[in-house]
C-alpha atoms as a PDB file:
ATOM      1  CA  MET A   1     -13.567 -91.611  22.846  1.00  0.00           C
ATOM      2  CA  ALA A   2     -11.942 -94.686  21.322  1.00  0.00           C
ATOM      3  CA  ARG A   3     -11.670 -94.840  17.579  1.00  0.00           C
ATOM      4  CA  LYS A   4     -12.929 -98.049  16.006  1.00  0.00           C
ATOM      5  CA  GLU A   5     -10.412 -99.667  13.687  1.00  0.00           C
ATOM      6  CA  THR A   6     -11.710-101.023  10.418  1.00  0.00           C
ATOM      7  CA  GLU A   7     -10.011-103.500   8.173  1.00  0.00           C
ATOM      8  CA  SER A   8      -9.348-102.451   4.627  1.00  0.00           C
ATOM      9  CA  THR A   9      -7.801-104.148   1.676  1.00  0.00           C
ATOM     10  CA  LYS A  10      -5.493-102.287  -0.657  1.00  0.00           C
ATOM     11  CA  VAL A  11      -6.807-102.512  -4.187  1.00  0.00           C
ATOM     12  CA  THR A  12      -4.221-101.983  -6.888  1.00  0.00           C
ATOM     13  CA  ASP A  13      -6.263-102.738 -10.010  1.00  0.00           C
ATOM     14  CA  ILE A  14      -9.899-101.751 -10.348  1.00  0.00           C
ATOM     15  CA  ASP A  15     -10.154-102.093 -14.128  1.00  0.00           C
ATOM     16  CA  SER A  16     -11.819-105.493 -13.853  1.00  0.00           C
ATOM     17  CA  MET A  17     -14.035-104.592 -10.884  1.00  0.00           C
ATOM     18  CA  THR A  18     -17.765-105.085 -11.340  1.00  0.00           C
ATOM     19  CA  VAL A  19     -20.597-103.787  -9.182  1.00  0.00           C
ATOM     20  CA  SER A  20     -24.295-104.464  -8.835  1.00  0.00           C
ATOM     21  CA  VAL A  21     -26.974-102.216 -10.273  1.00  0.00           C
ATOM     22  CA  GLY A  22     -27.736-101.013  -6.737  1.00  0.00           C
ATOM     23  CA  VAL A  23     -24.153 -99.944  -6.089  1.00  0.00           C
ATOM     24  CA  MET A  24     -23.935 -98.200  -9.468  1.00  0.00           C
ATOM     25  CA  ALA A  25     -27.238 -96.406  -8.863  1.00  0.00           C
ATOM     26  CA  ASN A  26     -26.074 -95.279  -5.432  1.00  0.00           C
ATOM     27  CA  MET A  27     -22.730 -94.012  -6.788  1.00  0.00           C
ATOM     28  CA  PHE A  28     -24.374 -91.937  -9.507  1.00  0.00           C
ATOM     29  CA  SER A  29     -27.432 -90.901  -7.421  1.00  0.00           C
ATOM     30  CA  LEU A  30     -29.720 -92.442 -10.019  1.00  0.00           C
ATOM     31  CA  SER A  31     -32.446 -95.048  -9.907  1.00  0.00           C
ATOM     32  CA  GLU A  32     -31.704 -98.664 -10.728  1.00  0.00           C
ATOM     33  CA  ARG A  33     -34.080 -98.337 -13.677  1.00  0.00           C
ATOM     34  CA  ARG A  34     -32.064 -95.404 -15.046  1.00  0.00           C
ATOM     35  CA  ILE A  35     -28.870 -97.445 -14.753  1.00  0.00           C
ATOM     36  CA  ARG A  36     -30.494-100.222 -16.787  1.00  0.00           C
ATOM     37  CA  GLN A  37     -31.673 -97.663 -19.374  1.00  0.00           C
ATOM     38  CA  MET A  38     -28.165 -96.244 -19.647  1.00  0.00           C
ATOM     39  CA  ALA A  39     -26.853 -99.789 -20.120  1.00  0.00           C
ATOM     40  CA  GLU A  40     -29.271-100.182 -23.041  1.00  0.00           C
ATOM     41  CA  GLU A  41     -27.932 -96.865 -24.423  1.00  0.00           C
ATOM     42  CA  GLY A  42     -24.358 -98.155 -24.162  1.00  0.00           C
ATOM     43  CA  ILE A  43     -23.237 -95.672 -21.501  1.00  0.00           C
ATOM     44  CA  ILE A  44     -23.125 -98.136 -18.620  1.00  0.00           C
ATOM     45  CA  VAL A  45     -21.246-101.339 -19.502  1.00  0.00           C
ATOM     46  CA  ARG A  46     -22.891-104.589 -18.477  1.00  0.00           C
ATOM     47  CA  SER A  47     -20.548-107.474 -17.713  1.00  0.00           C
ATOM     48  CA  ALA A  48     -23.135-110.059 -16.654  1.00  0.00           C
ATOM     49  CA  LYS A  49     -26.755-110.105 -15.600  1.00  0.00           C
ATOM     50  CA  GLY A  50     -27.055-107.509 -12.840  1.00  0.00           C
ATOM     51  CA  ARG A  51     -23.301-106.696 -12.883  1.00  0.00           C
ATOM     52  CA  TYR A  52     -21.641-103.671 -14.433  1.00  0.00           C
ATOM     53  CA  LYS A  53     -18.016-102.764 -15.197  1.00  0.00           C
ATOM     54  CA  LEU A  54     -17.156 -99.986 -12.776  1.00  0.00           C
ATOM     55  CA  VAL A  55     -14.276 -98.129 -14.433  1.00  0.00           C
ATOM     56  CA  GLU A  56     -15.518 -98.314 -18.015  1.00  0.00           C
ATOM     57  CA  SER A  57     -19.011 -97.262 -16.955  1.00  0.00           C
ATOM     58  CA  LEU A  58     -17.687 -94.374 -14.888  1.00  0.00           C
ATOM     59  CA  LYS A  59     -15.600 -93.070 -17.795  1.00  0.00           C
ATOM     60  CA  ASN A  60     -18.562 -93.355 -20.175  1.00  0.00           C
ATOM     61  CA  TYR A  61     -20.885 -91.614 -17.707  1.00  0.00           C
ATOM     62  CA  ILE A  62     -18.478 -88.697 -17.276  1.00  0.00           C
ATOM     63  CA  LEU A  63     -18.136 -88.390 -21.055  1.00  0.00           C
ATOM     64  CA  ALA A  64     -21.937 -88.440 -21.463  1.00  0.00           C
ATOM     65  CA  LEU A  65     -22.272 -85.669 -18.855  1.00  0.00           C
ATOM     66  CA  LYS A  66     -19.605 -83.577 -20.620  1.00  0.00           C
ATOM     67  CA  LEU A  67     -21.296 -84.011 -23.984  1.00  0.00           C
ATOM     68  CA  ALA A  68     -24.691 -83.132 -22.513  1.00  0.00           C
ATOM     69  CA  ALA A  69     -23.222 -79.993 -20.927  1.00  0.00           C
ATOM     70  CA  GLU A  70     -21.802 -78.996 -24.321  1.00  0.00           C
ATOM     71  CA  GLY A  71     -25.150 -79.646 -25.983  1.00  0.00           C
ATOM     72  CA  VAL A  72     -23.872 -82.577 -28.039  1.00  0.00           C
ATOM     73  CA  ASN A  73     -26.159 -85.596 -28.308  1.00  0.00           C
END
């Protein structure tokens, strides 16, 4: 069976990458509404209407999960 080749682009800096609410929700297995709520709480970082900073939001989300696991609010 032939393997289909796909084109990919090497990304060297993702710090400025933004994603849509749908992509963020899919990555975190959450609803789009929950992503918007977390943006209001300051966990998810909004960069523009409907766009979110990927790296900063991911770091904040991991920290929020760690704190919740430790019982810290």
